[in-house]
């Protein structure tokens, strides 16, 4: 038996229960991993609340972790006991001391990077990679708008976007978060609780608009984000921390021939090669110092409910990590 967080009913942070679970031994093509650090993401909140549907109840939440391989299934080569590995995405279930994972879903972790850093950034960092490099390819001279610029993904988008030669406009909710966004390479920072971001983006771009908006906020920002785009601009909606956006009539896109996409990481790391390339570029940017990862908050795994409460209450910045 190992300890894990279990959700028996959907709801607030209090539904996260600390329990004993049986995980068994790895089958063919699987490995057993003892987790050293577990990343928290807003998607975990969505599953807990039922915004996204878990396959069944009860379930163990969590979509990323770093750990040491403790057992290997039959016929598996390329993985051995003692390897340090990381995963992000499917299968769900990382809020546990140990878990069984498909061997083809994990990537080797460079010894030069702290496992806590990797756990805090796997999902967010691979998300930033596909958003900036493949979903819309940011190039020197582009102007990009990043909502929630001090958040986990937002912080990485600002740093990486700046390194790619883009002019970065970021929205934040407070002066403290504005200071972090500036440190992360935001050229223009909008405190959305004090000023209208649409008006400010219009002023900053002299009425031209931005090439791309990266919007993880959803309902509160979606319509304004469309207004901020230039002709043939890209609206990349990849989250909904304020709720799901209202339905969009096609005519709203037709006015400026806009592109709208709702991407998820899982569809961008379908093949083993895509996964290794995405993680590899992330690790290279951490190692070179392009990306500075802030792990501002760590909680014991047993305190996952408190971690969720703080995340939803906007009391956190940067990355949040659970330690088994």
Protein backbone atom coordinates (compact mmCIF):
# COMPACT_ATOMS: atom_id res chain seq x y z
CA UNK A 1 0.00 0.00 0.00
CA UNK A 2 1.08 3.57 -0.68
CA UNK A 3 -0.44 6.91 0.27
CA UNK A 4 -2.27 8.99 -2.35
CA UNK A 5 -4.80 11.78 -2.68
CA UNK A 6 -8.22 10.45 -3.67
CA UNK A 7 -11.33 12.26 -4.91
CA UNK A 8 -14.61 10.43 -4.12
CA UNK A 9 -16.94 13.33 -4.99
CA UNK A 10 -16.53 16.49 -7.06
CA UNK A 11 -16.25 19.81 -5.28
CA UNK A 12 -13.95 22.18 -3.41
CA UNK A 13 -10.44 21.52 -2.08
CA UNK A 14 -11.91 19.62 0.89
CA UNK A 15 -12.77 16.64 -1.38
CA UNK A 16 -9.05 15.83 -1.69
CA UNK A 17 -8.58 12.94 0.76
CA UNK A 18 -5.28 11.39 1.97
CA UNK A 19 -5.70 7.61 1.79
CA UNK A 20 -3.99 4.24 1.40
CA UNK A 21 -4.14 2.77 -2.12
CA UNK A 22 -2.92 -0.44 -3.76
CA UNK A 23 -0.99 0.14 -7.00
CA UNK A 24 0.32 -3.32 -7.87
CA UNK A 25 3.28 -4.18 -10.09
CA UNK A 26 4.10 -2.91 -13.59
CA UNK A 27 2.88 -4.99 -16.53
CA UNK A 28 4.47 -5.26 -19.95
CA UNK A 29 5.45 -1.81 -21.23
CA UNK A 30 5.01 -0.22 -17.79
CA UNK A 31 7.26 1.03 -15.00
CA UNK A 32 6.70 1.72 -11.32
CA UNK A 33 7.95 5.12 -10.14
CA UNK A 34 8.53 6.44 -6.61
CA UNK A 35 7.71 10.14 -6.89
CA UNK A 36 10.20 12.73 -5.59
CA UNK A 37 8.22 15.84 -6.59
CA UNK A 38 4.76 16.43 -8.07
CA UNK A 39 3.63 19.46 -10.03
CA UNK A 40 0.27 21.15 -9.47
CA UNK A 41 -1.60 22.59 -12.46
CA UNK A 42 -4.93 24.37 -12.88
CA UNK A 43 -6.15 21.35 -14.86
CA UNK A 44 -6.09 19.43 -11.54
CA UNK A 45 -8.62 21.93 -10.20
CA UNK A 46 -10.80 21.48 -13.30
CA UNK A 47 -10.89 17.70 -12.79
CA UNK A 48 -11.58 18.08 -9.07
CA UNK A 49 -14.55 20.37 -9.75
CA UNK A 50 -15.85 18.36 -12.69
CA UNK A 51 -15.18 21.05 -15.33
CA UNK A 52 -13.24 18.24 -17.03
CA UNK A 53 -14.60 14.74 -16.53
CA UNK A 54 -12.38 12.14 -14.86
CA UNK A 55 -12.83 8.59 -16.27
CA UNK A 56 -14.41 7.42 -13.00
CA UNK A 57 -14.83 8.14 -9.30
CA UNK A 58 -12.90 7.83 -7.08
CA UNK A 59 -9.73 9.04 -8.82
CA UNK A 60 -6.26 10.30 -7.97
CA UNK A 61 -5.60 13.72 -9.56
CA UNK A 62 -2.31 15.03 -10.89
CA UNK A 63 -0.77 15.25 -14.34
CA UNK A 64 2.99 15.53 -13.78
CA UNK A 65 5.76 14.22 -11.56
CA UNK A 66 9.43 13.36 -11.33
CA UNK A 67 10.54 10.15 -9.68
CA UNK A 68 12.88 7.19 -9.56
CA UNK A 69 12.07 3.94 -11.38
CA UNK A 70 11.63 1.17 -8.76
CA UNK A 71 10.36 -1.67 -11.00
CA UNK A 72 10.22 -2.44 -14.70
CA UNK A 73 7.60 -4.54 -16.55
CA UNK A 74 8.47 -7.62 -18.60
CA UNK A 75 10.24 -7.22 -21.91
CA UNK A 76 11.06 -3.55 -21.44
CA UNK A 77 14.37 -2.14 -22.63
CA UNK A 78 15.62 1.42 -22.33
CA UNK A 79 14.38 1.87 -18.74
CA UNK A 80 16.02 0.49 -15.65
CA UNK A 81 15.58 0.61 -11.88
CA UNK A 82 17.21 3.77 -10.52
CA UNK A 83 16.54 5.96 -13.58
CA UNK A 84 15.27 9.47 -12.83
CA UNK A 85 12.29 10.13 -15.09
CA UNK A 86 9.54 12.70 -15.57
CA UNK A 87 6.14 12.73 -17.20
CA UNK A 88 3.38 15.22 -17.89
CA UNK A 89 -0.12 14.64 -19.24
CA UNK A 90 -1.71 11.20 -19.31
CA UNK A 91 -2.26 9.09 -17.30
CA UNK A 92 -3.75 11.11 -14.47
CA UNK A 93 -2.71 10.06 -10.97
CA UNK A 94 0.52 11.79 -9.92
CA UNK A 95 -0.76 12.87 -6.46
CA UNK A 96 0.65 9.64 -5.03
CA UNK A 97 3.80 8.40 -3.33
CA UNK A 98 4.22 5.85 -6.13
CA UNK A 99 2.48 5.21 -9.45
CA UNK A 100 2.50 2.91 -12.46
CA UNK A 101 3.26 4.64 -15.77
CA UNK A 102 3.52 3.59 -19.43
CA UNK A 103 7.26 3.58 -20.17
CA UNK A 104 6.75 5.45 -23.45
CA UNK A 105 5.19 8.43 -21.60
CA UNK A 106 8.23 9.24 -19.46
CA UNK A 107 11.37 11.14 -20.43
CA UNK A 108 14.83 10.90 -18.86
CA UNK A 109 15.68 13.87 -16.61
CA UNK A 110 19.11 15.50 -17.03
CA UNK A 111 21.14 15.17 -13.82
CA UNK A 112 22.03 18.88 -14.09
CA UNK A 113 18.46 20.00 -13.30
CA UNK A 114 16.90 19.74 -9.82
CA UNK A 115 13.98 17.23 -9.81
CA UNK A 116 11.79 19.78 -7.97
CA UNK A 117 12.37 22.28 -10.79
CA UNK A 118 11.51 19.64 -13.41
CA UNK A 119 8.34 18.56 -11.57
CA UNK A 120 7.23 22.17 -11.35
CA UNK A 121 7.71 22.86 -15.03
CA UNK A 122 7.16 19.73 -17.14
CA UNK A 123 3.54 20.37 -18.05
CA UNK A 124 3.74 24.17 -18.03
CA UNK A 125 7.05 24.19 -19.88
CA UNK A 126 6.02 21.73 -22.59
CA UNK A 127 2.80 23.73 -22.94
CA UNK A 128 4.83 26.91 -23.42
CA UNK A 129 7.00 25.12 -25.99
CA UNK A 130 4.14 23.98 -28.22
CA UNK A 131 2.26 27.29 -27.84
CA UNK A 132 5.23 29.43 -28.88
CA UNK A 133 6.98 27.11 -31.32
CA UNK A 134 4.25 25.09 -33.03
CA UNK A 135 0.71 26.28 -32.32
CA UNK A 136 1.72 29.77 -33.46
CA UNK A 137 5.40 30.19 -34.34
CA UNK A 138 6.63 33.33 -32.58
CA UNK A 139 9.40 35.13 -34.44
CA UNK A 140 11.49 38.28 -33.95
CA UNK A 141 9.40 41.39 -34.50
CA UNK A 142 6.10 39.85 -33.40
CA UNK A 143 4.06 41.45 -30.63
CA UNK A 144 2.34 38.96 -28.33
CA UNK A 145 -0.22 39.37 -25.54
CA UNK A 146 0.07 36.99 -22.56
CA UNK A 147 -2.76 36.94 -20.03
CA UNK A 148 -1.97 35.90 -16.43
CA UNK A 149 1.65 36.77 -17.16
CA UNK A 150 2.82 35.94 -13.63
CA UNK A 151 1.17 32.50 -13.59
CA UNK A 152 2.94 29.21 -14.13
CA UNK A 153 2.63 29.07 -17.93
CA UNK A 154 2.41 32.84 -18.32
CA UNK A 155 5.79 33.40 -16.69
CA UNK A 156 7.43 30.92 -19.08
CA UNK A 157 5.65 32.38 -22.13
CA UNK A 158 7.01 35.84 -21.25
CA UNK A 159 10.59 34.68 -20.74
CA UNK A 160 10.64 32.43 -23.82
CA UNK A 161 8.75 34.93 -26.00
CA UNK A 162 11.25 37.64 -25.10
CA UNK A 163 14.15 35.29 -25.89
CA UNK A 164 12.59 34.61 -29.31
CA UNK A 165 12.72 38.33 -30.09
CA UNK A 166 9.05 39.21 -29.60
CA UNK A 167 7.66 42.30 -27.90
CA UNK A 168 5.75 40.89 -24.92
CA UNK A 169 2.67 42.52 -23.41
CA UNK A 170 1.47 40.89 -20.21
CA UNK A 171 -1.63 41.27 -18.05
CA UNK A 172 -1.47 40.71 -14.28
CA UNK A 173 -3.79 41.32 -11.33
CA UNK A 174 -1.51 43.18 -8.90
CA UNK A 175 1.59 45.38 -8.54
CA UNK A 176 3.51 42.46 -7.00
CA UNK A 177 2.77 40.29 -10.03
CA UNK A 178 3.66 43.22 -12.33
CA UNK A 179 7.15 43.27 -10.79
CA UNK A 180 7.57 39.57 -11.54
CA UNK A 181 6.31 39.97 -15.11
CA UNK A 182 8.85 42.75 -15.68
CA UNK A 183 11.60 40.47 -14.36
CA UNK A 184 10.37 37.78 -16.77
CA UNK A 185 10.91 39.99 -19.79
CA UNK A 186 7.53 41.65 -20.27
CA UNK A 187 8.07 44.88 -22.20
CA UNK A 188 4.63 46.26 -21.33
CA UNK A 189 2.64 45.28 -18.24
CA UNK A 190 -1.07 45.90 -17.78
CA UNK A 191 -2.60 45.60 -14.29
CA UNK A 192 -6.01 44.39 -15.42
CA UNK A 193 -7.71 45.25 -12.10
CA UNK A 194 -6.77 48.91 -12.61
CA UNK A 195 -6.92 49.50 -16.37
CA UNK A 196 -8.71 48.19 -19.45
CA UNK A 197 -6.36 45.84 -21.26
CA UNK A 198 -8.01 46.37 -24.66
CA UNK A 199 -7.47 50.14 -24.46
CA UNK A 200 -3.87 49.71 -23.31
CA UNK A 201 -2.99 47.16 -26.02
CA UNK A 202 -4.43 49.55 -28.60
CA UNK A 203 -2.22 52.36 -27.23
CA UNK A 204 0.92 50.18 -27.00
CA UNK A 205 0.55 48.90 -30.58
CA UNK A 206 -0.57 52.27 -32.03
CA UNK A 207 -3.86 50.66 -33.03
CA UNK A 208 -2.23 47.80 -34.96
CA UNK A 209 -3.00 45.00 -32.50
CA UNK A 210 -0.94 41.89 -31.72
CA UNK A 211 -0.04 38.84 -33.81
CA UNK A 212 -1.17 36.38 -31.15
CA UNK A 213 -2.97 36.29 -27.80
CA UNK A 214 -2.21 33.51 -25.32
CA UNK A 215 -5.30 33.36 -23.12
CA UNK A 216 -5.60 30.97 -20.16
CA UNK A 217 -8.16 33.13 -18.34
CA UNK A 218 -11.20 32.44 -20.54
CA UNK A 219 -14.54 34.05 -19.85
CA UNK A 220 -13.31 37.39 -18.47
CA UNK A 221 -10.79 38.10 -21.22
CA UNK A 222 -11.93 36.21 -24.30
CA UNK A 223 -13.95 38.90 -26.12
CA UNK A 224 -11.39 41.60 -25.37
CA UNK A 225 -8.61 39.34 -26.60
CA UNK A 226 -10.26 39.04 -30.02
CA UNK A 227 -10.42 42.84 -30.23
CA UNK A 228 -6.67 43.08 -29.49
CA UNK A 229 -5.68 40.99 -32.51
CA UNK A 230 -4.42 42.46 -35.76
CA UNK A 231 -5.65 41.25 -39.15
CA UNK A 232 -5.20 37.48 -39.50
CA UNK A 233 -4.16 37.29 -35.86
CA UNK A 234 -4.18 34.09 -33.77
CA UNK A 235 -6.41 33.67 -30.73
CA UNK A 236 -4.92 30.83 -28.69
CA UNK A 237 -7.33 29.91 -25.88
CA UNK A 238 -5.65 27.30 -23.68
CA UNK A 239 -7.41 27.62 -20.32
CA UNK A 240 -10.39 29.06 -18.47
CA UNK A 241 -9.43 30.05 -14.93
CA UNK A 242 -12.33 32.57 -14.89
CA UNK A 243 -14.82 30.15 -16.47
CA UNK A 244 -15.55 28.90 -19.98
CA UNK A 245 -15.79 31.60 -22.65
CA UNK A 246 -19.20 32.27 -24.17
CA UNK A 247 -19.86 30.71 -27.60
CA UNK A 248 -18.30 32.67 -30.46
CA UNK A 249 -20.23 33.43 -33.64
CA UNK A 250 -18.12 32.89 -36.76
CA UNK A 251 -18.82 36.50 -37.72
CA UNK A 252 -16.66 37.58 -34.78
CA UNK A 253 -13.69 36.00 -36.55
CA UNK A 254 -14.66 37.12 -40.03
CA UNK A 255 -14.26 40.82 -39.26
CA UNK A 256 -10.45 40.45 -39.25
CA UNK A 257 -10.00 36.95 -40.77
CA UNK A 258 -8.87 35.71 -37.34
CA UNK A 259 -7.68 32.24 -36.41
CA UNK A 260 -9.04 30.63 -33.24
CA UNK A 261 -7.64 27.49 -31.64
CA UNK A 262 -8.24 25.63 -28.38
CA UNK A 263 -5.13 23.42 -28.12
CA UNK A 264 -4.08 20.98 -25.42
CA UNK A 265 -0.65 19.52 -24.73
CA UNK A 266 -1.83 15.93 -25.25
CA UNK A 267 -2.46 16.54 -28.97
CA UNK A 268 1.03 18.00 -29.43
CA UNK A 269 3.00 15.14 -27.84
CA UNK A 270 1.20 12.25 -29.53
CA UNK A 271 4.29 10.43 -30.76
CA UNK A 272 7.38 9.49 -28.77
CA UNK A 273 9.48 11.75 -31.02
CA UNK A 274 7.20 14.75 -30.38
CA UNK A 275 7.39 14.12 -26.64
CA UNK A 276 11.20 13.85 -26.57
CA UNK A 277 11.62 16.92 -28.81
CA UNK A 278 9.26 19.04 -26.71
CA UNK A 279 10.82 18.02 -23.37
CA UNK A 280 14.32 18.26 -24.83
CA UNK A 281 13.85 21.86 -25.96
CA UNK A 282 12.40 22.72 -22.54
CA UNK A 283 15.34 21.16 -20.65
CA UNK A 284 17.83 22.90 -22.96
CA UNK A 285 16.26 26.29 -22.26
CA UNK A 286 16.34 25.68 -18.50
CA UNK A 287 19.97 24.52 -18.62
CA UNK A 288 21.04 27.54 -20.71
CA UNK A 289 19.32 30.01 -18.38
CA UNK A 290 16.74 31.21 -20.93
CA UNK A 291 14.02 29.98 -18.56
CA UNK A 292 14.21 30.75 -14.87
CA UNK A 293 11.72 28.58 -13.01
CA UNK A 294 10.37 29.85 -9.72
CA UNK A 295 9.18 27.22 -7.31
CA UNK A 296 7.69 29.71 -4.86
CA UNK A 297 5.51 27.22 -2.98
CA UNK A 298 6.03 23.64 -1.84
CA UNK A 299 3.51 21.66 0.21
CA UNK A 300 3.59 18.14 1.63
CA UNK A 301 1.57 15.82 -0.64
CA UNK A 302 -0.82 15.24 2.28
CA UNK A 303 -1.63 19.01 2.22
CA UNK A 304 -2.84 19.00 -1.40
CA UNK A 305 -6.18 20.53 -0.30
CA UNK A 306 -4.40 23.57 1.15
CA UNK A 307 -2.31 23.91 -2.02
CA UNK A 308 -5.48 23.90 -4.16
CA UNK A 309 -7.13 26.44 -1.87
CA UNK A 310 -4.16 28.83 -2.22
CA UNK A 311 -3.95 28.30 -6.00
CA UNK A 312 -7.63 29.12 -6.53
CA UNK A 313 -7.42 32.03 -4.09
CA UNK A 314 -4.67 33.57 -6.27
CA UNK A 315 -2.28 33.42 -3.30
CA UNK A 316 0.41 31.70 -5.36
CA UNK A 317 2.76 32.85 -8.07
CA UNK A 318 5.14 30.83 -10.19
CA UNK A 319 5.00 27.08 -9.71
CA UNK A 320 3.52 25.02 -6.90
CA UNK A 321 4.96 21.61 -6.02
CA UNK A 322 3.84 18.75 -3.75
CA UNK A 323 6.56 16.74 -1.99
CA UNK A 324 5.67 13.13 -1.01
